[in-house]
Amino acid sequence: MIAEEIVHVKGYPKKLVIFLHGYIDSAESIDARITPLLDSLDDVAIHIPQAPLSCEIYDTKRQWYSMHRFDSEDERKTVKTLRECVSIYNRMSLGLVETYNYLEPYIEQCLHEYGLKYKDFYLCGFSQGAMVALFTALRLKKTIGGVISFSGILAAADYIKKHARSHPDTLLIHGDTDNLVRFQALRFTRTSLKKLGCDVDEYIIPSNNGRHIVTPDGLVRCAEFIKSRDKKL
């Protein structure tokens, strides 16, 4: 159950953005990094929920689900091929399902709070939060306005191919020298999402700042993506 959050309300909310922090991370930490997103949007509510689980590595940080439960040696970071990497992430379906089961009621609660519809809702996430965001957006019973992945991958891809219920427009943001979630994950995720019927855009953070990070230019591109949906919807 999600019991902690940071909330920013700007103007009269016509859009809801929920931003999910990463693994070994926290709501406070991601909140300090996403100011360019808030500055670039008007009439918006941005919610940054705190994952309810203490991190298995540093108990002062948080996690959406255990990574070591499914990859005890962190092999996803070191295996040589993308195929091996994807197979490790495919083990994580149970953790993602468990996360979905407590995140989905939180989303419903937030939409009800502002009187907004699924088309007015955008789900963002960084790293593990991006994996949760992609999985959740595909599993929701209605298609949302869009989902934005910062340095993520479509985890539990085999599961989601069988159980996806919607096909949201997606923006994939990834650094080309990412040291934790390899850059090739972008290609795999893009291809997988297109096969599920999603329209997919991408933004690549170049080498000089392209590691595992949320960057100001990525956040501005995220805001542009959200604002562009108005014309489409």
C-alpha atoms as a PDB file:
ATOM      1  CA  MET A   1       0.000   0.000   0.000  1.00  0.00           C
ATOM      2  CA  ILE A   2       1.290   3.458  -0.916  1.00  0.00           C
ATOM      3  CA  ALA A   3       1.084   5.700   2.146  1.00  0.00           C
ATOM      4  CA  GLU A   4       3.665   8.413   1.375  1.00  0.00           C
ATOM      5  CA  GLU A   5       3.907  10.810  -1.538  1.00  0.00           C
ATOM      6  CA  ILE A   6       5.139  14.209  -2.669  1.00  0.00           C
ATOM      7  CA  VAL A   7       2.577  16.264  -4.584  1.00  0.00           C
ATOM      8  CA  HIS A   8       2.926  19.378  -6.729  1.00  0.00           C
ATOM      9  CA  VAL A   9      -0.213  21.121  -7.986  1.00  0.00           C
ATOM     10  CA  LYS A  10       0.215  23.847 -10.593  1.00  0.00           C
ATOM     11  CA  GLY A  11      -2.829  25.815 -11.671  1.00  0.00           C
ATOM     12  CA  TYR A  12      -6.077  23.918 -12.159  1.00  0.00           C
ATOM     13  CA  PRO A  13      -5.074  20.320 -12.931  1.00  0.00           C
ATOM     14  CA  LYS A  14      -6.140  19.130 -16.350  1.00  0.00           C
ATOM     15  CA  LYS A  15      -3.472  16.442 -16.357  1.00  0.00           C
ATOM     16  CA  LEU A  16      -2.138  14.004 -13.781  1.00  0.00           C
ATOM     17  CA  VAL A  17       1.493  12.906 -13.928  1.00  0.00           C
ATOM     18  CA  ILE A  18       2.718  10.160 -11.613  1.00  0.00           C
ATOM     19  CA  PHE A  19       6.505   9.761 -11.498  1.00  0.00           C
ATOM     20  CA  LEU A  20       7.975   6.549 -10.052  1.00  0.00           C
ATOM     21  CA  HIS A  21      11.462   6.648  -8.538  1.00  0.00           C
ATOM     22  CA  GLY A  22      14.044   3.942  -9.094  1.00  0.00           C
ATOM     23  CA  TYR A  23      15.647   1.121  -7.139  1.00  0.00           C
ATOM     24  CA  ILE A  24      17.828   2.178  -4.186  1.00  0.00           C
ATOM     25  CA  ASP A  25      16.055   5.533  -4.518  1.00  0.00           C
ATOM     26  CA  SER A  26      13.279   7.581  -2.923  1.00  0.00           C
ATOM     27  CA  ALA A  27      10.509  10.054  -3.663  1.00  0.00           C
ATOM     28  CA  GLU A  28      12.578  12.846  -2.116  1.00  0.00           C
ATOM     29  CA  SER A  29      15.534  12.102  -4.367  1.00  0.00           C
ATOM     30  CA  ILE A  30      13.564  12.041  -7.615  1.00  0.00           C
ATOM     31  CA  ASP A  31      11.591  15.118  -6.572  1.00  0.00           C
ATOM     32  CA  ALA A  32      14.837  17.091  -6.397  1.00  0.00           C
ATOM     33  CA  ARG A  33      15.645  16.107  -9.991  1.00  0.00           C
ATOM     34  CA  ILE A  34      12.397  16.715 -11.893  1.00  0.00           C
ATOM     35  CA  THR A  35      12.004  20.497 -11.540  1.00  0.00           C
ATOM     36  CA  PRO A  36      12.379  21.001 -15.337  1.00  0.00           C
ATOM     37  CA  LEU A  37       9.302  18.812 -15.849  1.00  0.00           C
ATOM     38  CA  LEU A  38       7.179  20.821 -13.432  1.00  0.00           C
ATOM     39  CA  ASP A  39       8.437  24.111 -14.869  1.00  0.00           C
ATOM     40  CA  SER A  40       7.513  23.022 -18.407  1.00  0.00           C
ATOM     41  CA  LEU A  41       3.890  22.068 -17.701  1.00  0.00           C
ATOM     42  CA  ASP A  42       0.820  24.119 -16.782  1.00  0.00           C
ATOM     43  CA  ASP A  43      -2.416  23.080 -15.075  1.00  0.00           C
ATOM     44  CA  VAL A  44      -0.959  19.817 -13.851  1.00  0.00           C
ATOM     45  CA  ALA A  45      -0.748  17.692 -10.720  1.00  0.00           C
ATOM     46  CA  ILE A  46       2.493  15.750 -10.332  1.00  0.00           C
ATOM     47  CA  HIS A  47       2.499  12.939  -7.774  1.00  0.00           C
ATOM     48  CA  ILE A  48       5.701  11.221  -6.669  1.00  0.00           C
ATOM     49  CA  PRO A  49       4.735   8.181  -4.588  1.00  0.00           C
ATOM     50  CA  GLN A  50       7.175   6.553  -2.207  1.00  0.00           C
ATOM     51  CA  ALA A  51       7.613   2.840  -2.819  1.00  0.00           C
ATOM     52  CA  PRO A  52       6.319   1.031   0.287  1.00  0.00           C
ATOM     53  CA  LEU A  53       9.226  -1.423   0.503  1.00  0.00           C
ATOM     54  CA  SER A  54      12.544  -0.701   2.202  1.00  0.00           C
ATOM     55  CA  CYS A  55      15.441  -1.445  -0.120  1.00  0.00           C
ATOM     56  CA  GLU A  56      17.191  -4.771   0.328  1.00  0.00           C
ATOM     57  CA  ILE A  57      20.591  -3.106  -0.147  1.00  0.00           C
ATOM     58  CA  TYR A  58      20.197   0.162   1.823  1.00  0.00           C
ATOM     59  CA  ASP A  59      17.276   0.176   4.214  1.00  0.00           C
ATOM     60  CA  THR A  60      17.109   3.982   4.164  1.00  0.00           C
ATOM     61  CA  LYS A  61      16.204   3.789   0.450  1.00  0.00           C
ATOM     62  CA  ARG A  62      13.207   2.181  -1.291  1.00  0.00           C
ATOM     63  CA  GLN A  63      12.351  -0.374  -3.948  1.00  0.00           C
ATOM     64  CA  TRP A  64       9.168  -1.242  -5.810  1.00  0.00           C
ATOM     65  CA  TYR A  65      10.066  -4.926  -5.680  1.00  0.00           C
ATOM     66  CA  SER A  66      13.133  -7.014  -4.859  1.00  0.00           C
ATOM     67  CA  MET A  67      15.676  -7.307  -7.650  1.00  0.00           C
ATOM     68  CA  HIS A  68      17.792  -9.858  -5.772  1.00  0.00           C
ATOM     69  CA  ARG A  69      14.816 -12.173  -5.488  1.00  0.00           C
ATOM     70  CA  PHE A  70      15.022 -12.663  -9.253  1.00  0.00           C
ATOM     71  CA  ASP A  71      18.691 -11.841  -9.907  1.00  0.00           C
ATOM     72  CA  SER A  72      20.699 -12.461  -6.754  1.00  0.00           C
ATOM     73  CA  GLU A  73      24.083 -11.810  -8.413  1.00  0.00           C
ATOM     74  CA  ASP A  74      23.054  -8.737 -10.459  1.00  0.00           C
ATOM     75  CA  GLU A  75      23.880 -10.657 -13.625  1.00  0.00           C
ATOM     76  CA  ARG A  76      21.505  -8.499 -15.700  1.00  0.00           C
ATOM     77  CA  LYS A  77      24.224  -5.822 -15.645  1.00  0.00           C
ATOM     78  CA  THR A  78      27.100  -8.080 -16.714  1.00  0.00           C
ATOM     79  CA  VAL A  79      25.838 -10.799 -19.062  1.00  0.00           C
ATOM     80  CA  LYS A  80      27.285 -10.411 -22.531  1.00  0.00           C
ATOM     81  CA  THR A  81      24.188 -10.540 -24.711  1.00  0.00           C
ATOM     82  CA  LEU A  82      20.896  -8.696 -24.774  1.00  0.00           C
ATOM     83  CA  ARG A  83      19.107 -12.044 -25.022  1.00  0.00           C
ATOM     84  CA  GLU A  84      20.597 -13.147 -21.682  1.00  0.00           C
ATOM     85  CA  CYS A  85      19.715  -9.795 -20.146  1.00  0.00           C
ATOM     86  CA  VAL A  86      16.097  -9.982 -21.327  1.00  0.00           C
ATOM     87  CA  SER A  87      15.760 -13.531 -19.975  1.00  0.00           C
ATOM     88  CA  ILE A  88      16.735 -12.277 -16.505  1.00  0.00           C
ATOM     89  CA  TYR A  89      14.182  -9.471 -16.628  1.00  0.00           C
ATOM     90  CA  ASN A  90      11.597 -12.022 -17.752  1.00  0.00           C
ATOM     91  CA  ARG A  91      11.914 -13.690 -14.340  1.00  0.00           C
ATOM     92  CA  MET A  92      10.519 -10.579 -12.645  1.00  0.00           C
ATOM     93  CA  SER A  93       6.855 -10.945 -13.584  1.00  0.00           C
ATOM     94  CA  LEU A  94       5.740 -11.886 -10.064  1.00  0.00           C
ATOM     95  CA  GLY A  95       7.411  -8.822  -8.556  1.00  0.00           C
ATOM     96  CA  LEU A  96       5.820  -6.584 -11.161  1.00  0.00           C
ATOM     97  CA  VAL A  97       2.379  -8.135 -10.684  1.00  0.00           C
ATOM     98  CA  GLU A  98       2.642  -7.575  -6.931  1.00  0.00           C
ATOM     99  CA  THR A  99       3.625  -3.942  -7.544  1.00  0.00           C
ATOM    100  CA  TYR A 100       0.761  -3.431  -9.989  1.00  0.00           C
ATOM    101  CA  ASN A 101      -1.700  -4.709  -7.398  1.00  0.00           C
ATOM    102  CA  TYR A 102      -0.909  -1.865  -5.002  1.00  0.00           C
ATOM    103  CA  LEU A 103      -0.126   0.807  -7.598  1.00  0.00           C
ATOM    104  CA  GLU A 104      -3.352   0.468  -9.590  1.00  0.00           C
ATOM    105  CA  PRO A 105      -5.630   1.495  -6.649  1.00  0.00           C
ATOM    106  CA  TYR A 106      -3.347   4.478  -6.011  1.00  0.00           C
ATOM    107  CA  ILE A 107      -3.736   5.588  -9.627  1.00  0.00           C
ATOM    108  CA  GLU A 108      -7.511   5.264  -9.392  1.00  0.00           C
ATOM    109  CA  GLN A 109      -7.525   7.300  -6.184  1.00  0.00           C
ATOM    110  CA  CYS A 110      -5.461  10.091  -7.739  1.00  0.00           C
ATOM    111  CA  LEU A 111      -7.642  10.287 -10.857  1.00  0.00           C
ATOM    112  CA  HIS A 112     -10.760  10.456  -8.693  1.00  0.00           C
ATOM    113  CA  GLU A 113      -9.214  13.200  -6.561  1.00  0.00           C
ATOM    114  CA  TYR A 114      -8.915  15.524  -9.577  1.00  0.00           C
ATOM    115  CA  GLY A 115     -11.931  14.293 -11.516  1.00  0.00           C
ATOM    116  CA  LEU A 116      -9.701  13.232 -14.425  1.00  0.00           C
ATOM    117  CA  LYS A 117      -9.941  10.396 -16.928  1.00  0.00           C
ATOM    118  CA  TYR A 118      -7.377   7.847 -18.072  1.00  0.00           C
ATOM    119  CA  LYS A 119      -6.630   9.922 -21.179  1.00  0.00           C
ATOM    120  CA  ASP A 120      -5.546  12.774 -18.879  1.00  0.00           C
ATOM    121  CA  PHE A 121      -3.024  10.587 -17.040  1.00  0.00           C
ATOM    122  CA  TYR A 122       0.694  10.134 -17.768  1.00  0.00           C
ATOM    123  CA  LEU A 123       2.848   7.580 -15.994  1.00  0.00           C
ATOM    124  CA  CYS A 124       6.601   8.217 -15.794  1.00  0.00           C
ATOM    125  CA  GLY A 125       9.365   6.234 -14.175  1.00  0.00           C
ATOM    126  CA  PHE A 126      13.126   6.055 -13.823  1.00  0.00           C
ATOM    127  CA  SER A 127      15.070   2.770 -13.894  1.00  0.00           C
ATOM    128  CA  GLN A 128      13.090   0.200 -11.862  1.00  0.00           C
ATOM    129  CA  GLY A 129      10.314   2.797 -11.753  1.00  0.00           C
ATOM    130  CA  ALA A 130      10.356   2.851 -15.564  1.00  0.00           C
ATOM    131  CA  MET A 131       9.945  -0.927 -15.645  1.00  0.00           C
ATOM    132  CA  VAL A 132       6.981  -0.638 -13.285  1.00  0.00           C
ATOM    133  CA  ALA A 133       5.521   2.234 -15.331  1.00  0.00           C
ATOM    134  CA  LEU A 134       5.680   0.317 -18.616  1.00  0.00           C
ATOM    135  CA  PHE A 135       4.252  -2.862 -17.088  1.00  0.00           C
ATOM    136  CA  THR A 136       1.471  -1.000 -15.287  1.00  0.00           C
ATOM    137  CA  ALA A 137       0.443   1.126 -18.261  1.00  0.00           C
ATOM    138  CA  LEU A 138       0.114  -1.976 -20.426  1.00  0.00           C
ATOM    139  CA  ARG A 139      -1.906  -3.813 -17.769  1.00  0.00           C
ATOM    140  CA  LEU A 140      -4.396  -1.033 -16.961  1.00  0.00           C
ATOM    141  CA  LYS A 141      -7.929  -1.653 -18.174  1.00  0.00           C
ATOM    142  CA  LYS A 142      -8.004   1.596 -20.162  1.00  0.00           C
ATOM    143  CA  THR A 143      -5.363   3.278 -22.287  1.00  0.00           C
ATOM    144  CA  ILE A 144      -3.749   6.252 -20.586  1.00  0.00           C
ATOM    145  CA  GLY A 145      -2.487   9.472 -22.190  1.00  0.00           C
ATOM    146  CA  GLY A 146       1.055   8.146 -22.304  1.00  0.00           C
ATOM    147  CA  VAL A 147       3.888   6.394 -20.520  1.00  0.00           C
ATOM    148  CA  ILE A 148       7.448   7.744 -20.305  1.00  0.00           C
ATOM    149  CA  SER A 149      10.405   5.497 -19.487  1.00  0.00           C
ATOM    150  CA  PHE A 150      13.689   6.971 -18.292  1.00  0.00           C
ATOM    151  CA  SER A 151      16.520   4.388 -18.479  1.00  0.00           C
ATOM    152  CA  GLY A 152      14.176   1.407 -18.390  1.00  0.00           C
ATOM    153  CA  ILE A 153      13.375  -1.841 -20.161  1.00  0.00           C
ATOM    154  CA  LEU A 154      10.201  -3.803 -20.791  1.00  0.00           C
ATOM    155  CA  ALA A 155      10.667  -6.282 -17.944  1.00  0.00           C
ATOM    156  CA  ALA A 156       8.508  -9.430 -17.841  1.00  0.00           C
ATOM    157  CA  ALA A 157       8.037  -9.060 -21.605  1.00  0.00           C
ATOM    158  CA  ASP A 158       6.873 -12.661 -22.065  1.00  0.00           C
ATOM    159  CA  TYR A 159       4.191 -12.157 -19.409  1.00  0.00           C
ATOM    160  CA  ILE A 160       3.010  -8.831 -20.781  1.00  0.00           C
ATOM    161  CA  LYS A 161       2.697 -10.206 -24.319  1.00  0.00           C
ATOM    162  CA  LYS A 162      -0.032 -12.500 -22.982  1.00  0.00           C
ATOM    163  CA  HIS A 163      -1.643 -10.121 -20.492  1.00  0.00           C
ATOM    164  CA  ALA A 164      -1.461  -6.590 -21.935  1.00  0.00           C
ATOM    165  CA  ARG A 165      -4.853  -4.872 -21.883  1.00  0.00           C
ATOM    166  CA  SER A 166      -4.007  -1.495 -23.400  1.00  0.00           C
ATOM    167  CA  HIS A 167      -1.507   0.071 -25.795  1.00  0.00           C
ATOM    168  CA  PRO A 168      -0.458   3.554 -24.626  1.00  0.00           C
ATOM    169  CA  ASP A 169       1.667   5.987 -26.583  1.00  0.00           C
ATOM    170  CA  THR A 170       5.184   5.713 -25.212  1.00  0.00           C
ATOM    171  CA  LEU A 171       8.341   7.810 -24.968  1.00  0.00           C
ATOM    172  CA  LEU A 172      11.588   5.959 -24.276  1.00  0.00           C
ATOM    173  CA  ILE A 173      14.454   8.081 -22.916  1.00  0.00           C
ATOM    174  CA  HIS A 174      17.815   6.381 -22.569  1.00  0.00           C
ATOM    175  CA  GLY A 175      21.477   7.304 -22.315  1.00  0.00           C
ATOM    176  CA  ASP A 176      23.734   5.832 -24.978  1.00  0.00           C
ATOM    177  CA  THR A 177      26.387   4.965 -22.368  1.00  0.00           C
ATOM    178  CA  ASP A 178      24.018   3.755 -19.632  1.00  0.00           C
ATOM    179  CA  ASN A 179      26.072   1.664 -17.214  1.00  0.00           C
ATOM    180  CA  LEU A 180      23.199  -0.079 -15.391  1.00  0.00           C
ATOM    181  CA  VAL A 181      20.404  -0.711 -17.911  1.00  0.00           C
ATOM    182  CA  ARG A 182      22.243  -1.220 -21.186  1.00  0.00           C
ATOM    183  CA  PHE A 183      21.434   1.048 -24.118  1.00  0.00           C
ATOM    184  CA  GLN A 184      20.364  -1.936 -26.251  1.00  0.00           C
ATOM    185  CA  ALA A 185      17.356  -2.235 -23.945  1.00  0.00           C
ATOM    186  CA  LEU A 186      15.839   0.710 -25.801  1.00  0.00           C
ATOM    187  CA  ARG A 187      15.768  -1.195 -29.085  1.00  0.00           C
ATOM    188  CA  PHE A 188      14.285  -4.300 -27.469  1.00  0.00           C
ATOM    189  CA  THR A 189      11.635  -2.282 -25.636  1.00  0.00           C
ATOM    190  CA  ARG A 190      10.712  -0.243 -28.710  1.00  0.00           C
ATOM    191  CA  THR A 191      10.298  -3.352 -30.867  1.00  0.00           C
ATOM    192  CA  SER A 192       8.275  -5.177 -28.199  1.00  0.00           C
ATOM    193  CA  LEU A 193       5.933  -2.234 -27.625  1.00  0.00           C
ATOM    194  CA  LYS A 194       5.306  -1.727 -31.316  1.00  0.00           C
ATOM    195  CA  LYS A 195       4.332  -5.380 -31.628  1.00  0.00           C
ATOM    196  CA  LEU A 196       1.781  -4.745 -28.853  1.00  0.00           C
ATOM    197  CA  GLY A 197       0.274  -1.866 -30.836  1.00  0.00           C
ATOM    198  CA  CYS A 198       1.891   1.108 -29.088  1.00  0.00           C
ATOM    199  CA  ASP A 199       3.106   4.214 -30.866  1.00  0.00           C
ATOM    200  CA  VAL A 200       6.691   4.669 -29.661  1.00  0.00           C
ATOM    201  CA  ASP A 201       8.925   7.724 -29.688  1.00  0.00           C
ATOM    202  CA  GLU A 202      12.442   7.922 -28.296  1.00  0.00           C
ATOM    203  CA  TYR A 203      14.985  10.423 -27.048  1.00  0.00           C
ATOM    204  CA  ILE A 204      18.633   9.449 -26.722  1.00  0.00           C
ATOM    205  CA  ILE A 205      20.845  11.206 -24.186  1.00  0.00           C
ATOM    206  CA  PRO A 206      24.279  11.526 -25.829  1.00  0.00           C
ATOM    207  CA  SER A 207      27.546  10.183 -24.496  1.00  0.00           C
ATOM    208  CA  ASN A 208      28.715  13.231 -22.567  1.00  0.00           C
ATOM    209  CA  ASN A 209      25.774  12.809 -20.185  1.00  0.00           C
ATOM    210  CA  GLY A 210      24.325   9.508 -21.331  1.00  0.00           C
ATOM    211  CA  ARG A 211      24.745   7.308 -18.303  1.00  0.00           C
ATOM    212  CA  HIS A 212      22.064   6.050 -15.887  1.00  0.00           C
ATOM    213  CA  ILE A 213      20.535   9.403 -15.040  1.00  0.00           C
ATOM    214  CA  VAL A 214      17.522  11.698 -15.327  1.00  0.00           C
ATOM    215  CA  THR A 215      18.677  14.781 -17.227  1.00  0.00           C
ATOM    216  CA  PRO A 216      17.082  18.224 -17.664  1.00  0.00           C
ATOM    217  CA  ASP A 217      16.893  17.797 -21.452  1.00  0.00           C
ATOM    218  CA  GLY A 218      15.186  14.436 -20.997  1.00  0.00           C
ATOM    219  CA  LEU A 219      12.621  16.011 -18.681  1.00  0.00           C
ATOM    220  CA  VAL A 220      11.932  18.819 -21.156  1.00  0.00           C
ATOM    221  CA  ARG A 221      11.440  16.207 -23.887  1.00  0.00           C
ATOM    222  CA  CYS A 222       9.067  14.374 -21.540  1.00  0.00           C
ATOM    223  CA  ALA A 223       7.046  17.578 -21.075  1.00  0.00           C
ATOM    224  CA  GLU A 224       6.939  18.139 -24.839  1.00  0.00           C
ATOM    225  CA  PHE A 225       5.638  14.605 -25.312  1.00  0.00           C
ATOM    226  CA  ILE A 226       2.889  15.174 -22.733  1.00  0.00           C
ATOM    227  CA  LYS A 227       1.846  18.492 -24.278  1.00  0.00           C
ATOM    228  CA  SER A 228       1.819  16.983 -27.770  1.00  0.00           C
ATOM    229  CA  ARG A 229      -0.852  14.489 -26.708  1.00  0.00           C
ATOM    230  CA  ASP A 230      -3.415  17.318 -26.500  1.00  0.00           C
ATOM    231  CA  LYS A 231      -3.518  17.530 -30.287  1.00  0.00           C
ATOM    232  CA  LYS A 232      -3.767  13.782 -30.681  1.00  0.00           C
ATOM    233  CA  LEU A 233      -6.531  13.375 -28.105  1.00  0.00           C
END
